[in-house]
N, C-alpha and C. Protein backbone atom coordinates (compact mmCIF):
# COMPACT_ATOMS: atom_id res chain seq x y z
N MET A 1 7.09 -6.20 -37.16
CA MET A 1 6.73 -5.93 -35.26
C MET A 1 7.40 -4.68 -35.08
N ARG A 2 7.86 -3.57 -35.27
CA ARG A 2 8.15 -2.34 -35.25
C ARG A 2 7.43 -1.74 -35.82
N GLN A 3 7.29 -1.59 -37.24
CA GLN A 3 6.92 -0.63 -38.06
C GLN A 3 5.39 -0.73 -37.20
N SER A 4 4.53 -2.00 -36.98
CA SER A 4 3.23 -1.93 -36.40
C SER A 4 2.64 -1.61 -35.50
N LEU A 5 3.84 -1.42 -34.41
CA LEU A 5 3.59 -0.68 -32.89
C LEU A 5 4.27 0.78 -33.58
N LYS A 6 4.86 1.14 -34.65
CA LYS A 6 5.20 2.78 -35.10
C LYS A 6 3.49 3.39 -35.42
N ARG A 7 2.89 2.39 -36.00
CA ARG A 7 1.81 2.71 -36.87
C ARG A 7 0.60 2.69 -35.33
N LEU A 8 0.57 1.75 -35.05
CA LEU A 8 -0.19 2.00 -33.72
C LEU A 8 -0.45 3.17 -32.87
N ASN A 9 1.40 3.24 -32.34
CA ASN A 9 1.34 4.82 -31.74
C ASN A 9 1.02 6.48 -32.47
N LEU A 10 1.03 6.06 -33.65
CA LEU A 10 0.94 6.71 -34.60
C LEU A 10 -1.13 7.50 -34.62
N SER A 11 -1.59 5.92 -34.72
CA SER A 11 -2.90 6.02 -34.69
C SER A 11 -3.63 6.48 -33.66
N ILE A 12 -3.03 5.96 -32.53
CA ILE A 12 -3.10 6.96 -30.88
C ILE A 12 -3.59 7.44 -30.96
N LEU A 13 -2.01 8.31 -31.03
CA LEU A 13 -1.64 10.12 -31.19
C LEU A 13 -2.58 10.65 -32.20
N CYS A 14 -3.11 10.55 -33.12
CA CYS A 14 -4.52 10.68 -34.10
C CYS A 14 -5.52 10.90 -33.48
N LEU A 15 -5.77 9.57 -32.40
CA LEU A 15 -6.83 9.70 -32.22
C LEU A 15 -7.16 10.73 -31.39
N LEU A 16 -5.82 10.79 -30.07
CA LEU A 16 -5.83 11.70 -29.40
C LEU A 16 -6.26 13.31 -29.99
N ALA A 17 -5.52 13.68 -31.28
CA ALA A 17 -5.97 14.73 -31.78
C ALA A 17 -7.04 15.27 -32.15
N LEU A 18 -7.69 13.94 -32.31
CA LEU A 18 -9.09 14.18 -33.09
C LEU A 18 -10.18 14.54 -32.35
N PHE A 19 -9.94 13.74 -31.13
CA PHE A 19 -10.54 13.80 -29.98
C PHE A 19 -10.28 15.27 -28.89
N SER A 20 -9.77 16.20 -28.58
CA SER A 20 -9.09 16.95 -28.74
C SER A 20 -10.45 17.76 -28.58
N THR A 21 -10.83 18.60 -26.87
CA THR A 21 -12.16 19.46 -27.17
C THR A 21 -12.11 20.91 -26.67
N HIS A 22 -10.95 20.92 -26.13
CA HIS A 22 -10.32 22.41 -25.67
C HIS A 22 -11.48 22.40 -24.68
N ALA A 23 -12.42 21.74 -24.08
CA ALA A 23 -13.64 22.48 -23.36
C ALA A 23 -12.86 22.46 -22.29
N SER A 24 -13.75 22.97 -21.07
CA SER A 24 -13.36 23.60 -19.64
C SER A 24 -14.54 22.66 -18.68
N VAL A 25 -13.70 22.13 -17.48
CA VAL A 25 -14.35 21.39 -16.61
C VAL A 25 -14.92 21.99 -15.18
N PRO A 26 -15.55 21.59 -14.79
CA PRO A 26 -15.77 22.46 -13.12
C PRO A 26 -14.75 21.22 -12.37
N LEU A 27 -13.95 22.53 -12.02
CA LEU A 27 -13.04 22.19 -11.02
C LEU A 27 -12.75 22.10 -9.46
N ASP A 28 -13.87 22.54 -9.60
CA ASP A 28 -14.19 22.36 -7.88
C ASP A 28 -14.76 21.26 -7.30
N LEU A 29 -14.73 20.18 -8.22
CA LEU A 29 -15.33 18.89 -7.68
C LEU A 29 -14.18 18.52 -6.48
N ALA A 30 -14.60 17.63 -5.62
CA ALA A 30 -13.44 17.46 -4.45
C ALA A 30 -13.39 15.85 -3.90
N LEU A 31 -12.61 15.17 -4.45
CA LEU A 31 -12.31 13.62 -4.11
C LEU A 31 -11.62 13.41 -3.05
N TYR A 32 -11.57 12.37 -2.30
CA TYR A 32 -10.84 11.71 -1.43
C TYR A 32 -9.33 11.28 -1.84
N GLY A 33 -8.41 11.76 -1.53
CA GLY A 33 -7.58 11.26 -1.94
C GLY A 33 -6.72 9.87 -0.70
N LEU A 34 -5.59 9.10 -1.21
CA LEU A 34 -5.30 7.90 -0.56
C LEU A 34 -4.73 8.98 0.99
N ASP A 35 -4.20 9.86 1.45
CA ASP A 35 -4.63 10.48 2.60
C ASP A 35 -5.89 10.76 3.59
N GLY A 36 -7.02 10.37 2.74
CA GLY A 36 -8.14 10.59 3.37
C GLY A 36 -9.10 11.86 3.83
N SER A 37 -8.02 12.87 3.20
CA SER A 37 -8.63 14.41 3.09
C SER A 37 -8.97 14.78 1.77
N LYS A 38 -10.13 15.27 1.64
CA LYS A 38 -10.54 15.83 0.07
C LYS A 38 -9.78 17.02 -0.50
N HIS A 39 -9.50 16.48 -2.11
CA HIS A 39 -8.73 17.51 -2.77
C HIS A 39 -9.44 17.76 -4.08
N LYS A 40 -9.52 19.15 -4.26
CA LYS A 40 -10.46 19.75 -5.49
C LYS A 40 -9.50 19.29 -6.35
N LEU A 41 -10.17 19.13 -7.84
CA LEU A 41 -9.34 19.15 -8.96
C LEU A 41 -8.39 20.29 -9.62
N SER A 42 -8.99 21.67 -8.68
CA SER A 42 -8.30 22.94 -9.19
C SER A 42 -6.77 23.21 -8.17
N GLU A 43 -6.42 21.94 -7.54
CA GLU A 43 -5.40 21.94 -6.70
C GLU A 43 -4.35 21.65 -7.90
N TYR A 44 -4.55 20.44 -9.11
CA TYR A 44 -3.27 20.35 -9.98
C TYR A 44 -3.96 20.62 -11.39
N ILE A 45 -5.28 20.99 -11.49
CA ILE A 45 -5.59 21.01 -12.87
C ILE A 45 -5.79 22.59 -12.91
N GLY A 46 -5.29 23.41 -13.99
CA GLY A 46 -5.38 24.67 -14.41
C GLY A 46 -4.58 25.62 -13.68
N ASN A 47 -3.38 25.00 -13.49
CA ASN A 47 -2.25 26.01 -12.48
C ASN A 47 -0.91 26.31 -13.31
N GLY A 48 -1.51 26.25 -14.79
CA GLY A 48 0.29 26.24 -15.38
C GLY A 48 0.82 25.42 -15.90
N GLN A 49 0.30 24.11 -15.74
CA GLN A 49 0.70 22.86 -15.67
C GLN A 49 0.45 21.72 -16.67
N TRP A 50 0.99 21.00 -17.94
CA TRP A 50 0.28 19.88 -18.17
C TRP A 50 -0.21 18.58 -17.06
N VAL A 51 -1.51 18.84 -17.31
CA VAL A 51 -2.03 17.47 -16.42
C VAL A 51 -2.61 16.13 -16.92
N VAL A 52 -1.93 14.86 -16.90
CA VAL A 52 -2.72 13.78 -17.31
C VAL A 52 -3.49 13.16 -16.21
N LEU A 53 -4.87 13.07 -16.53
CA LEU A 53 -5.66 12.66 -15.56
C LEU A 53 -6.44 10.94 -16.00
N ASN A 54 -6.00 10.24 -15.18
CA ASN A 54 -5.98 8.65 -15.96
C ASN A 54 -6.71 8.00 -15.04
N ILE A 55 -8.20 7.59 -15.20
CA ILE A 55 -9.03 6.91 -14.55
C ILE A 55 -8.50 5.50 -15.08
N TRP A 56 -8.58 4.64 -13.58
CA TRP A 56 -7.84 3.23 -13.70
C TRP A 56 -8.57 2.43 -12.68
N GLY A 57 -8.46 1.30 -12.56
CA GLY A 57 -8.99 0.44 -11.57
C GLY A 57 -7.58 -0.45 -11.24
N THR A 58 -7.49 -1.26 -10.41
CA THR A 58 -6.34 -2.08 -9.44
C THR A 58 -6.82 -3.04 -10.47
N ARG A 59 -7.59 -3.92 -10.59
CA ARG A 59 -7.63 -5.21 -11.38
C ARG A 59 -7.90 -5.17 -13.21
N CYS A 60 -7.86 -3.85 -13.74
CA CYS A 60 -8.24 -4.27 -14.66
C CYS A 60 -6.79 -4.02 -15.38
N PRO A 61 -6.63 -5.23 -16.37
CA PRO A 61 -5.43 -5.20 -17.04
C PRO A 61 -5.02 -4.43 -18.08
N PRO A 62 -5.58 -3.68 -19.11
CA PRO A 62 -4.68 -2.47 -19.47
C PRO A 62 -4.04 -1.69 -18.58
N CYS A 63 -5.09 -1.06 -17.62
CA CYS A 63 -4.67 -0.31 -16.62
C CYS A 63 -2.83 -0.57 -15.86
N ARG A 64 -3.11 -1.88 -15.53
CA ARG A 64 -1.74 -2.80 -14.65
C ARG A 64 -0.88 -2.29 -15.97
N GLU A 65 -1.30 -2.75 -17.14
CA GLU A 65 0.01 -2.26 -17.95
C GLU A 65 0.55 -0.94 -18.46
N GLU A 66 -0.17 -0.03 -17.93
CA GLU A 66 0.10 1.23 -18.49
C GLU A 66 0.60 1.92 -17.45
N VAL A 67 0.36 1.47 -16.35
CA VAL A 67 0.59 2.52 -15.19
C VAL A 67 2.25 2.50 -14.75
N PRO A 68 3.54 1.92 -15.18
CA PRO A 68 4.73 1.98 -15.30
C PRO A 68 5.06 2.88 -16.38
N GLU A 69 4.06 2.97 -17.74
CA GLU A 69 4.23 4.30 -18.42
C GLU A 69 4.09 5.24 -17.63
N LEU A 70 3.05 5.35 -16.64
CA LEU A 70 2.39 6.40 -16.45
C LEU A 70 3.49 7.40 -15.28
N VAL A 71 3.88 6.56 -14.35
CA VAL A 71 4.59 7.13 -13.51
C VAL A 71 6.35 7.28 -13.74
N SER A 72 6.59 6.58 -14.83
CA SER A 72 8.08 7.08 -15.78
C SER A 72 7.66 8.58 -16.06
N PHE A 73 5.97 8.94 -17.07
CA PHE A 73 6.30 9.87 -18.13
C PHE A 73 6.02 11.06 -16.32
N HIS A 74 5.63 10.52 -15.49
CA HIS A 74 5.43 11.33 -13.82
C HIS A 74 6.75 12.01 -13.31
N ASP A 75 7.62 10.85 -13.39
CA ASP A 75 9.23 11.18 -12.80
C ASP A 75 9.78 11.88 -13.88
N GLU A 76 9.92 11.96 -15.33
CA GLU A 76 10.53 12.05 -16.13
C GLU A 76 10.38 13.79 -16.32
N HIS A 77 8.82 14.09 -16.11
CA HIS A 77 8.26 15.72 -16.46
C HIS A 77 7.81 16.55 -15.57
N HIS A 78 7.30 15.90 -13.97
CA HIS A 78 7.13 16.75 -13.17
C HIS A 78 7.73 17.93 -13.05
N ASP A 79 9.21 17.78 -13.15
CA ASP A 79 9.47 19.09 -12.49
C ASP A 79 10.15 20.52 -13.64
N GLU A 80 9.11 19.84 -14.89
CA GLU A 80 9.44 20.56 -15.86
C GLU A 80 8.16 21.20 -16.36
N GLY A 81 7.04 20.42 -15.45
CA GLY A 81 5.25 21.12 -15.41
C GLY A 81 4.49 20.47 -16.00
N SER A 82 4.94 19.30 -16.11
CA SER A 82 3.40 18.02 -16.74
C SER A 82 3.58 16.99 -15.12
N ILE A 83 2.23 17.09 -14.82
CA ILE A 83 2.00 16.02 -13.59
C ILE A 83 1.01 14.99 -13.92
N VAL A 84 0.91 13.66 -13.46
CA VAL A 84 0.19 12.84 -13.72
C VAL A 84 -0.87 13.07 -12.48
N VAL A 85 -2.32 12.72 -12.83
CA VAL A 85 -3.03 12.38 -11.36
C VAL A 85 -3.29 11.56 -11.90
N GLY A 86 -3.94 10.75 -10.71
CA GLY A 86 -5.22 9.16 -11.27
C GLY A 86 -5.90 9.43 -10.18
N ILE A 87 -7.21 8.66 -11.02
CA ILE A 87 -8.48 8.76 -10.12
C ILE A 87 -8.76 7.60 -10.23
N ALA A 88 -8.98 6.68 -9.24
CA ALA A 88 -9.12 5.11 -9.33
C ALA A 88 -10.71 4.84 -9.05
N ILE A 89 -11.03 3.92 -9.68
CA ILE A 89 -12.36 3.69 -9.59
C ILE A 89 -12.47 1.52 -8.97
N ASP A 90 -13.27 1.56 -8.55
CA ASP A 90 -13.53 -0.05 -8.86
C ASP A 90 -13.83 -0.74 -9.90
N TYR A 91 -12.68 -2.07 -10.27
CA TYR A 91 -12.96 -2.45 -11.49
C TYR A 91 -12.97 -3.66 -11.27
N PRO A 92 -14.27 -4.71 -11.76
CA PRO A 92 -15.09 -4.44 -12.92
C PRO A 92 -16.52 -3.64 -12.96
N SER A 93 -16.85 -3.06 -11.13
CA SER A 93 -17.90 -2.71 -10.97
C SER A 93 -18.20 -1.30 -11.38
N TYR A 94 -16.79 -0.75 -11.45
CA TYR A 94 -17.22 0.78 -12.04
C TYR A 94 -17.71 1.52 -10.47
N GLY A 95 -17.80 0.93 -9.13
CA GLY A 95 -17.83 1.60 -7.97
C GLY A 95 -16.99 2.26 -7.30
N TYR A 96 -17.15 2.79 -6.18
CA TYR A 96 -16.45 3.68 -5.62
C TYR A 96 -15.03 2.96 -5.18
N ALA A 97 -14.10 3.10 -5.40
CA ALA A 97 -12.68 2.67 -5.06
C ALA A 97 -12.25 2.15 -3.74
N LYS A 98 -11.79 0.74 -3.49
CA LYS A 98 -11.79 0.01 -2.59
C LYS A 98 -10.08 0.97 -2.00
N LYS A 99 -10.14 1.63 -1.02
CA LYS A 99 -8.95 2.50 -0.55
C LYS A 99 -7.77 1.39 -0.26
N ASP A 100 -8.02 0.50 0.57
CA ASP A 100 -6.80 -0.11 1.15
C ASP A 100 -6.20 -0.87 -0.34
N GLU A 101 -7.53 -1.32 -1.55
CA GLU A 101 -6.98 -2.07 -2.61
C GLU A 101 -6.34 -0.90 -3.40
N VAL A 102 -6.48 0.08 -3.51
CA VAL A 102 -5.76 1.25 -4.38
C VAL A 102 -4.56 1.44 -2.97
N ILE A 103 -4.20 1.59 -2.00
CA ILE A 103 -3.13 2.16 -1.35
C ILE A 103 -1.83 0.68 -1.73
N ALA A 104 -2.68 -0.02 -1.67
CA ALA A 104 -1.89 -1.61 -1.66
C ALA A 104 -1.24 -1.75 -3.68
N PHE A 105 -2.19 -1.31 -4.23
CA PHE A 105 -1.69 -1.05 -5.94
C PHE A 105 -0.23 -0.36 -5.74
N SER A 106 -0.68 0.84 -5.13
CA SER A 106 0.03 2.14 -5.64
C SER A 106 1.48 1.64 -5.20
N ASN A 107 1.25 1.17 -3.76
CA ASN A 107 2.49 0.56 -3.37
C ASN A 107 3.57 -0.33 -4.24
N ASP A 108 2.43 -1.31 -4.60
CA ASP A 108 3.60 -2.03 -5.49
C ASP A 108 3.91 -1.66 -6.52
N TYR A 109 3.17 -0.49 -7.72
CA TYR A 109 3.70 0.03 -8.63
C TYR A 109 4.58 1.20 -8.55
N LEU A 110 4.55 1.47 -7.25
CA LEU A 110 5.39 2.77 -7.07
C LEU A 110 4.81 3.91 -7.46
N ILE A 111 3.46 3.85 -7.36
CA ILE A 111 3.01 4.96 -7.61
C ILE A 111 3.48 6.37 -7.07
N ASP A 112 4.06 7.24 -7.52
CA ASP A 112 3.91 8.44 -6.54
C ASP A 112 3.31 10.00 -7.30
N PHE A 113 2.33 9.75 -7.87
CA PHE A 113 1.68 10.89 -7.93
C PHE A 113 0.44 10.45 -7.25
N PRO A 114 -0.47 11.98 -7.50
CA PRO A 114 -1.57 12.05 -6.62
C PRO A 114 -2.37 11.02 -7.27
N ILE A 115 -3.49 10.53 -6.00
CA ILE A 115 -4.05 9.46 -6.39
C ILE A 115 -5.56 9.76 -5.79
N LEU A 116 -6.27 9.90 -6.49
CA LEU A 116 -8.30 10.22 -5.57
C LEU A 116 -9.02 9.00 -6.06
N LEU A 117 -9.95 9.45 -5.17
CA LEU A 117 -10.68 8.17 -5.23
C LEU A 117 -12.12 8.80 -5.50
N SER A 118 -12.30 7.55 -6.22
CA SER A 118 -14.22 7.93 -6.74
C SER A 118 -14.87 6.83 -7.59
N ASP A 119 -15.76 7.34 -8.31
CA ASP A 119 -16.66 5.85 -9.02
C ASP A 119 -16.35 6.26 -10.80
N ALA A 120 -17.36 5.68 -11.28
CA ALA A 120 -17.43 5.80 -12.70
C ALA A 120 -18.27 7.03 -12.59
N THR A 121 -19.01 7.54 -11.94
CA THR A 121 -19.96 8.57 -12.45
C THR A 121 -18.87 9.96 -12.24
N VAL A 122 -17.76 9.57 -12.34
CA VAL A 122 -16.94 10.95 -11.45
C VAL A 122 -16.69 12.12 -13.26
N THR A 123 -16.70 11.04 -14.26
CA THR A 123 -16.93 11.99 -15.70
C THR A 123 -17.66 12.61 -16.22
N GLU A 124 -18.69 12.35 -15.40
CA GLU A 124 -20.43 13.10 -15.69
C GLU A 124 -20.17 13.81 -14.71
N LYS A 125 -19.54 13.97 -13.54
CA LYS A 125 -19.67 15.05 -12.75
C LYS A 125 -18.72 16.02 -13.13
N LEU A 126 -17.72 15.73 -13.97
CA LEU A 126 -16.97 16.36 -14.35
C LEU A 126 -17.11 17.60 -15.75
N GLY A 127 -17.93 17.10 -16.46
CA GLY A 127 -19.13 17.36 -17.70
C GLY A 127 -18.30 16.75 -19.26
N LEU A 128 -17.42 15.66 -18.88
CA LEU A 128 -16.98 14.93 -19.72
C LEU A 128 -17.48 13.55 -20.62
N GLY A 129 -18.60 13.53 -20.16
CA GLY A 129 -19.68 12.32 -20.14
C GLY A 129 -19.57 11.33 -19.40
N ARG A 130 -20.08 10.66 -20.32
CA ARG A 130 -19.94 8.69 -19.90
C ARG A 130 -18.79 8.15 -19.74
N LEU A 131 -18.31 7.51 -18.67
CA LEU A 131 -16.77 6.90 -18.66
C LEU A 131 -17.49 5.45 -19.85
N GLU A 132 -16.39 6.01 -20.82
CA GLU A 132 -16.81 4.48 -21.81
C GLU A 132 -15.88 3.47 -21.57
N GLY A 133 -14.55 3.19 -20.61
CA GLY A 133 -14.30 2.02 -20.42
C GLY A 133 -12.63 2.81 -20.06
N LEU A 134 -12.39 1.37 -19.20
CA LEU A 134 -10.96 1.84 -18.58
C LEU A 134 -9.83 1.32 -18.87
N PRO A 135 -8.73 1.82 -18.88
CA PRO A 135 -8.44 3.13 -18.48
C PRO A 135 -9.08 3.68 -19.24
N THR A 136 -8.90 5.19 -18.56
CA THR A 136 -9.35 6.48 -19.65
C THR A 136 -8.32 7.39 -19.06
N THR A 137 -7.91 8.43 -19.97
CA THR A 137 -7.17 9.84 -20.16
C THR A 137 -7.44 10.82 -20.63
N TYR A 138 -7.55 11.56 -19.78
CA TYR A 138 -7.58 13.58 -20.15
C TYR A 138 -6.39 13.96 -20.18
N ILE A 139 -5.84 14.47 -21.16
CA ILE A 139 -4.94 15.83 -21.47
C ILE A 139 -5.51 16.62 -21.10
N PHE A 140 -4.81 17.78 -20.01
CA PHE A 140 -5.38 19.34 -19.86
C PHE A 140 -4.40 20.09 -20.04
N ASP A 141 -4.29 20.85 -20.37
CA ASP A 141 -3.26 22.10 -21.04
C ASP A 141 -3.53 22.91 -19.85
N PRO A 142 -2.20 23.77 -19.90
CA PRO A 142 -1.98 24.14 -18.66
C PRO A 142 -3.11 25.77 -17.91
N GLU A 143 -3.95 26.00 -18.94
CA GLU A 143 -5.18 26.29 -18.49
C GLU A 143 -6.51 26.21 -18.08
N GLY A 144 -6.22 24.72 -17.90
CA GLY A 144 -7.31 23.67 -17.50
C GLY A 144 -8.05 23.15 -18.59
N ASN A 145 -8.20 23.25 -19.97
CA ASN A 145 -8.97 22.44 -20.95
C ASN A 145 -8.34 21.34 -21.26
N VAL A 146 -9.62 20.88 -21.51
CA VAL A 146 -9.30 19.19 -21.74
C VAL A 146 -8.48 19.51 -23.38
N VAL A 147 -7.24 18.62 -23.86
CA VAL A 147 -7.26 19.12 -25.43
C VAL A 147 -6.89 17.21 -25.80
N GLY A 148 -7.28 16.51 -24.94
CA GLY A 148 -6.78 15.44 -25.79
C GLY A 148 -7.77 14.26 -24.93
N THR A 149 -8.10 12.83 -25.19
CA THR A 149 -8.80 11.92 -24.75
C THR A 149 -8.65 10.78 -25.04
N GLN A 150 -7.93 9.91 -24.21
CA GLN A 150 -8.04 8.43 -24.93
C GLN A 150 -8.56 7.26 -24.03
N VAL A 151 -9.35 6.32 -24.78
CA VAL A 151 -9.85 5.67 -23.89
C VAL A 151 -9.14 4.17 -24.01
N GLY A 152 -8.69 3.73 -23.24
CA GLY A 152 -7.82 2.72 -23.39
C GLY A 152 -6.08 2.54 -22.88
N GLY A 153 -5.23 2.10 -23.34
CA GLY A 153 -4.25 2.15 -22.45
C GLY A 153 -3.59 3.43 -23.39
N ILE A 154 -1.90 3.71 -22.80
CA ILE A 154 -1.49 4.68 -23.24
C ILE A 154 -0.24 4.52 -22.65
N THR A 155 0.80 5.13 -23.26
CA THR A 155 2.26 5.21 -23.04
C THR A 155 3.04 6.61 -22.99
N LYS A 156 4.37 6.78 -22.36
CA LYS A 156 4.78 7.55 -22.12
C LYS A 156 5.14 8.39 -23.58
N LYS A 157 5.53 7.16 -24.36
CA LYS A 157 5.68 7.93 -25.71
C LYS A 157 4.86 8.65 -26.42
N ILE A 158 3.11 8.49 -25.85
CA ILE A 158 2.25 8.72 -26.76
C ILE A 158 2.11 10.51 -26.17
N LEU A 159 2.21 10.38 -24.82
CA LEU A 159 1.82 10.90 -24.20
C LEU A 159 2.64 12.40 -24.77
N GLU A 160 4.23 12.20 -24.22
CA GLU A 160 4.89 13.12 -24.93
C GLU A 160 4.91 13.83 -26.53
N ASN A 161 4.54 12.82 -27.21
CA ASN A 161 4.30 13.22 -28.66
C ASN A 161 3.52 14.35 -28.46
N PHE A 162 2.20 13.85 -28.28
CA PHE A 162 0.80 14.56 -27.91
C PHE A 162 1.44 16.01 -26.94
N ILE A 163 1.15 15.88 -26.63
CA ILE A 163 1.80 17.11 -25.52
C ILE A 163 2.97 18.06 -26.14
N ASP A 164 3.79 17.17 -27.01
CA ASP A 164 4.73 18.10 -27.68
C ASP A 164 3.81 18.58 -28.75
N LYS A 165 3.24 18.23 -29.57
CA LYS A 165 2.42 18.31 -30.73
C LYS A 165 1.83 19.63 -30.33
N ILE A 166 0.65 19.87 -29.59
CA ILE A 166 0.14 20.82 -29.36
C ILE A 166 1.16 21.80 -28.57
N LYS A 167 1.85 21.67 -28.08
CA LYS A 167 3.01 22.51 -27.61
C LYS A 167 2.92 23.57 -29.33
N GLN A 168 3.64 22.72 -30.08
CA GLN A 168 3.85 23.25 -31.12
C GLN A 168 3.02 23.90 -32.28
N LYS A 169 1.89 23.83 -32.19
CA LYS A 169 0.45 24.13 -32.99
C LYS A 169 0.05 25.57 -32.20
N ASN A 170 0.22 25.46 -30.84
CA ASN A 170 0.15 26.71 -29.91
C ASN A 170 1.14 27.65 -30.20
N SER A 171 2.00 27.58 -30.17
CA SER A 171 3.24 28.13 -30.25
C SER A 171 3.62 29.11 -31.99
N HIS A 172 2.66 28.01 -32.76
CA HIS A 172 2.90 28.38 -34.15
C HIS A 172 1.72 29.69 -33.85
N ILE A 173 0.36 29.20 -33.64
CA ILE A 173 -0.69 30.32 -33.43
C ILE A 173 -0.38 31.59 -32.65
N ASN A 174 0.57 31.22 -31.60
CA ASN A 174 1.12 32.70 -31.24
C ASN A 174 1.85 33.09 -31.62
N LYS A 175 2.55 32.90 -32.36
CA LYS A 175 3.60 33.96 -33.50
C LYS A 175 2.73 34.68 -34.62
N LYS A 176 1.88 33.66 -34.50
CA LYS A 176 0.91 34.58 -35.84
C LYS A 176 0.03 35.44 -35.15
N THR A 177 -0.56 35.70 -34.11
CA THR A 177 -0.96 36.80 -33.70
C THR A 177 0.24 37.75 -32.60
N ASP A 178 1.41 37.82 -32.73
CA ASP A 178 2.09 38.78 -32.48
C ASP A 178 2.49 39.76 -33.65
C-alpha cells in the first residue's frame, strides 16, 4: 500500500513537471473575495513568492479531500514565501460560486488563505485554456509564471516536492550562468 502511494505521488509529481508551461498570465483580472471587495490576481501572483492557485467547489468530493492539505501547506509555508489562493466555483454546474456556501465551507475547514469567487470561465480569462475538471491547481513561480498544473487532487507533499524540484533546477541554471 505504502509503495503504491509513493508511486502515485511520484506519478503526479512527474505529471506536474510534464505540464509545466512557464507561461505568464494576465494578472489584472479582478475577482470578488469573501470580503465583498474586488482583488486583482496581481495582489498575490508575481510578487516574489510561490503561489498555489487552486480552483475548487464546495460540493466537489476530491476538493473536500484536498482542502486540509492546502491549508496545511499554506500554514507551514506562507511565512517563507509560498501561499495558497483559492478560487471557488459552483460544483457541479461550474457556474459562479455561491458566497454563503463558500463562507460556510471555509469556516468548517478553517481555511485561512485568500478565497476568490468565480465560475469555470476563470481559466480562459487567465489564458490557461478550458477548465478540465475540479479541483485544478496551478503553481506560479515568484516571477508570476505558471510552472505546473494538476487536474485532480493534490497533497502538501506533492506541492513541496514539486516546488523544491523547480528551485533546485533553477539554482543549477543560475550557477551555470554565473
